[in-house]
Amino acid sequence: MKPELRYSFRLGKNIFDQSYKNAFYKLLFVLISITSLMLFPVRFI
């Protein structure tokens, strides 16, 4: 494998991992906010 190809592959994998983590944290944040809305509805009104 050529070094340029390996570097771009690693870069693509890093970007994919970061976007996957970001999507996971966004989903986690949405779940937490929904549950807190259900648990403490008074605070958000």
PDB file of N, CA and C in Angstrom:
ATOM      1  N   MET A   1       0.851  -1.196   0.000  1.00  0.00           N
ATOM      2  CA  MET A   1       0.000   0.000   0.000  1.00  0.00           C
ATOM      3  C   MET A   1       0.893   1.255   0.000  1.00  0.00           C
ATOM      4  N   LYS A   2       0.529   2.221  -0.829  1.00  0.00           N
ATOM      5  CA  LYS A   2       1.318   3.452  -0.880  1.00  0.00           C
ATOM      6  C   LYS A   2       1.071   4.305   0.368  1.00  0.00           C
ATOM      7  N   PRO A   3       2.085   5.033   0.834  1.00  0.00           N
ATOM      8  CA  PRO A   3       1.922   5.835   2.069  1.00  0.00           C
ATOM      9  C   PRO A   3       0.838   6.894   1.950  1.00  0.00           C
ATOM     10  N   GLU A   4       0.686   7.509   0.751  1.00  0.00           N
ATOM     11  CA  GLU A   4      -0.366   8.524   0.595  1.00  0.00           C
ATOM     12  C   GLU A   4      -1.737   7.885   0.777  1.00  0.00           C
ATOM     13  N   LEU A   5      -1.900   6.712   0.198  1.00  0.00           N
ATOM     14  CA  LEU A   5      -3.175   6.009   0.288  1.00  0.00           C
ATOM     15  C   LEU A   5      -3.465   5.631   1.739  1.00  0.00           C
ATOM     16  N   ARG A   6      -2.415   5.143   2.423  1.00  0.00           N
ATOM     17  CA  ARG A   6      -2.586   4.749   3.823  1.00  0.00           C
ATOM     18  C   ARG A   6      -2.935   5.974   4.676  1.00  0.00           C
ATOM     19  N   TYR A   7      -2.279   7.110   4.388  1.00  0.00           N
ATOM     20  CA  TYR A   7      -2.550   8.323   5.162  1.00  0.00           C
ATOM     21  C   TYR A   7      -3.978   8.802   4.952  1.00  0.00           C
ATOM     22  N   SER A   8      -4.420   8.822   3.689  1.00  0.00           N
ATOM     23  CA  SER A   8      -5.790   9.279   3.413  1.00  0.00           C
ATOM     24  C   SER A   8      -6.802   8.308   4.014  1.00  0.00           C
ATOM     25  N   PHE A   9      -6.472   7.020   4.023  1.00  0.00           N
ATOM     26  CA  PHE A   9      -7.370   6.033   4.625  1.00  0.00           C
ATOM     27  C   PHE A   9      -7.490   6.272   6.124  1.00  0.00           C
ATOM     28  N   ARG A  10      -6.330   6.536   6.765  1.00  0.00           N
ATOM     29  CA  ARG A  10      -6.347   6.791   8.204  1.00  0.00           C
ATOM     30  C   ARG A  10      -7.096   8.082   8.513  1.00  0.00           C
ATOM     31  N   LEU A  11      -6.889   9.096   7.668  1.00  0.00           N
ATOM     32  CA  LEU A  11      -7.584  10.369   7.847  1.00  0.00           C
ATOM     33  C   LEU A  11      -9.099  10.169   7.717  1.00  0.00           C
ATOM     34  N   GLY A  12      -9.510   9.417   6.712  1.00  0.00           N
ATOM     35  CA  GLY A  12     -10.934   9.147   6.521  1.00  0.00           C
ATOM     36  C   GLY A  12     -11.514   8.378   7.702  1.00  0.00           C
ATOM     37  N   LYS A  13     -10.723   7.440   8.231  1.00  0.00           N
ATOM     38  CA  LYS A  13     -11.191   6.669   9.382  1.00  0.00           C
ATOM     39  C   LYS A  13     -11.346   7.573  10.603  1.00  0.00           C
ATOM     40  N   ASN A  14     -10.391   8.506  10.800  1.00  0.00           N
ATOM     41  CA  ASN A  14     -10.487   9.438  11.919  1.00  0.00           C
ATOM     42  C   ASN A  14     -11.722  10.316  11.800  1.00  0.00           C
ATOM     43  N   ILE A  15     -11.961  10.837  10.591  1.00  0.00           N
ATOM     44  CA  ILE A  15     -13.135  11.690  10.370  1.00  0.00           C
ATOM     45  C   ILE A  15     -14.407  10.882  10.624  1.00  0.00           C
ATOM     46  N   PHE A  16     -14.424   9.631  10.147  1.00  0.00           N
ATOM     47  CA  PHE A  16     -15.601   8.784  10.348  1.00  0.00           C
ATOM     48  C   PHE A  16     -15.827   8.516  11.829  1.00  0.00           C
ATOM     49  N   ASP A  17     -14.740   8.213  12.561  1.00  0.00           N
ATOM     50  CA  ASP A  17     -14.863   7.956  14.001  1.00  0.00           C
ATOM     51  C   ASP A  17     -15.384   9.190  14.728  1.00  0.00           C
ATOM     52  N   GLN A  18     -14.861  10.374  14.362  1.00  0.00           N
ATOM     53  CA  GLN A  18     -15.286  11.600  15.030  1.00  0.00           C
ATOM     54  C   GLN A  18     -16.757  11.885  14.751  1.00  0.00           C
ATOM     55  N   SER A  19     -17.177  11.742  13.483  1.00  0.00           N
ATOM     56  CA  SER A  19     -18.573  12.023  13.158  1.00  0.00           C
ATOM     57  C   SER A  19     -19.486  10.998  13.828  1.00  0.00           C
ATOM     58  N   TYR A  20     -19.006   9.747  13.930  1.00  0.00           N
ATOM     59  CA  TYR A  20     -19.796   8.714  14.600  1.00  0.00           C
ATOM     60  C   TYR A  20     -19.962   9.052  16.079  1.00  0.00           C
ATOM     61  N   LYS A  21     -18.867   9.500  16.709  1.00  0.00           N
ATOM     62  CA  LYS A  21     -18.934   9.883  18.113  1.00  0.00           C
ATOM     63  C   LYS A  21     -19.834  11.096  18.303  1.00  0.00           C
ATOM     64  N   ASN A  22     -19.715  12.076  17.407  1.00  0.00           N
ATOM     65  CA  ASN A  22     -20.550  13.269  17.501  1.00  0.00           C
ATOM     66  C   ASN A  22     -22.025  12.902  17.383  1.00  0.00           C
ATOM     67  N   ALA A  23     -22.352  12.021  16.451  1.00  0.00           N
ATOM     68  CA  ALA A  23     -23.744  11.588  16.295  1.00  0.00           C
ATOM     69  C   ALA A  23     -24.213  10.849  17.545  1.00  0.00           C
ATOM     70  N   PHE A  24     -23.321  10.037  18.121  1.00  0.00           N
ATOM     71  CA  PHE A  24     -23.666   9.295  19.333  1.00  0.00           C
ATOM     72  C   PHE A  24     -23.933  10.244  20.493  1.00  0.00           C
ATOM     73  N   TYR A  25     -23.071  11.274  20.641  1.00  0.00           N
ATOM     74  CA  TYR A  25     -23.260  12.227  21.736  1.00  0.00           C
ATOM     75  C   TYR A  25     -24.505  13.073  21.526  1.00  0.00           C
ATOM     76  N   LYS A  26     -24.805  13.414  20.252  1.00  0.00           N
ATOM     77  CA  LYS A  26     -26.032  14.164  19.976  1.00  0.00           C
ATOM     78  C   LYS A  26     -27.250  13.341  20.354  1.00  0.00           C
ATOM     79  N   LEU A  27     -27.219  12.054  19.993  1.00  0.00           N
ATOM     80  CA  LEU A  27     -28.337  11.166  20.332  1.00  0.00           C
ATOM     81  C   LEU A  27     -28.464  11.036  21.850  1.00  0.00           C
ATOM     82  N   LEU A  28     -27.327  10.892  22.528  1.00  0.00           N
ATOM     83  CA  LEU A  28     -27.327  10.798  23.986  1.00  0.00           C
ATOM     84  C   LEU A  28     -27.887  12.071  24.610  1.00  0.00           C
ATOM     85  N   PHE A  29     -27.488  13.234  24.068  1.00  0.00           N
ATOM     86  CA  PHE A  29     -27.969  14.513  24.576  1.00  0.00           C
ATOM     87  C   PHE A  29     -29.476  14.648  24.392  1.00  0.00           C
ATOM     88  N   VAL A  30     -29.978  14.215  23.227  1.00  0.00           N
ATOM     89  CA  VAL A  30     -31.416  14.259  22.963  1.00  0.00           C
ATOM     90  C   VAL A  30     -32.163  13.353  23.938  1.00  0.00           C
ATOM     91  N   LEU A  31     -31.631  12.149  24.154  1.00  0.00           N
ATOM     92  CA  LEU A  31     -32.271  11.223  25.095  1.00  0.00           C
ATOM     93  C   LEU A  31     -32.301  11.789  26.505  1.00  0.00           C
ATOM     94  N   ILE A  32     -31.192  12.389  26.925  1.00  0.00           N
ATOM     95  CA  ILE A  32     -31.122  12.966  28.279  1.00  0.00           C
ATOM     96  C   ILE A  32     -32.093  14.126  28.417  1.00  0.00           C
ATOM     97  N   SER A  33     -32.155  14.989  27.390  1.00  0.00           N
ATOM     98  CA  SER A  33     -33.067  16.127  27.490  1.00  0.00           C
ATOM     99  C   SER A  33     -34.529  15.678  27.477  1.00  0.00           C
ATOM    100  N   ILE A  34     -34.843  14.625  26.718  1.00  0.00           N
ATOM    101  CA  ILE A  34     -36.225  14.120  26.707  1.00  0.00           C
ATOM    102  C   ILE A  34     -36.590  13.543  28.072  1.00  0.00           C
ATOM    103  N   THR A  35     -35.677  12.776  28.663  1.00  0.00           N
ATOM    104  CA  THR A  35     -35.978  12.186  29.967  1.00  0.00           C
ATOM    105  C   THR A  35     -36.071  13.258  31.046  1.00  0.00           C
ATOM    106  N   SER A  36     -35.217  14.289  30.958  1.00  0.00           N
ATOM    107  CA  SER A  36     -35.303  15.352  31.958  1.00  0.00           C
ATOM    108  C   SER A  36     -36.585  16.166  31.766  1.00  0.00           C
ATOM    109  N   LEU A  37     -37.028  16.302  30.507  1.00  0.00           N
ATOM    110  CA  LEU A  37     -38.315  16.965  30.268  1.00  0.00           C
ATOM    111  C   LEU A  37     -39.448  16.161  30.894  1.00  0.00           C
ATOM    112  N   MET A  38     -39.357  14.837  30.801  1.00  0.00           N
ATOM    113  CA  MET A  38     -40.403  13.990  31.388  1.00  0.00           C
ATOM    114  C   MET A  38     -40.336  14.023  32.920  1.00  0.00           C
ATOM    115  N   LEU A  39     -39.122  14.046  33.463  1.00  0.00           N
ATOM    116  CA  LEU A  39     -38.976  13.984  34.913  1.00  0.00           C
ATOM    117  C   LEU A  39     -39.253  15.334  35.582  1.00  0.00           C
ATOM    118  N   PHE A  40     -38.782  16.408  34.943  1.00  0.00           N
ATOM    119  CA  PHE A  40     -38.958  17.736  35.540  1.00  0.00           C
ATOM    120  C   PHE A  40     -39.673  18.673  34.560  1.00  0.00           C
ATOM    121  N   PRO A  41     -40.972  18.472  34.320  1.00  0.00           N
ATOM    122  CA  PRO A  41     -41.668  19.325  33.360  1.00  0.00           C
ATOM    123  C   PRO A  41     -41.883  20.749  33.874  1.00  0.00           C
ATOM    124  N   VAL A  42     -41.895  20.911  35.184  1.00  0.00           N
ATOM    125  CA  VAL A  42     -42.178  22.223  35.760  1.00  0.00           C
ATOM    126  C   VAL A  42     -41.047  23.210  35.468  1.00  0.00           C
ATOM    127  N   ARG A  43     -39.799  22.693  35.508  1.00  0.00           N
ATOM    128  CA  ARG A  43     -38.641  23.555  35.347  1.00  0.00           C
ATOM    129  C   ARG A  43     -38.567  24.181  33.951  1.00  0.00           C
ATOM    130  N   PHE A  44     -39.134  23.497  32.943  1.00  0.00           N
ATOM    131  CA  PHE A  44     -38.995  23.974  31.575  1.00  0.00           C
ATOM    132  C   PHE A  44     -40.157  24.850  31.132  1.00  0.00           C
ATOM    133  N   ILE A  45     -41.189  24.940  31.945  1.00  0.00           N
ATOM    134  CA  ILE A  45     -42.344  25.765  31.564  1.00  0.00           C
ATOM    135  C   ILE A  45     -42.063  27.237  31.879  1.00  0.00           C
TER     136      ILE A  45
END
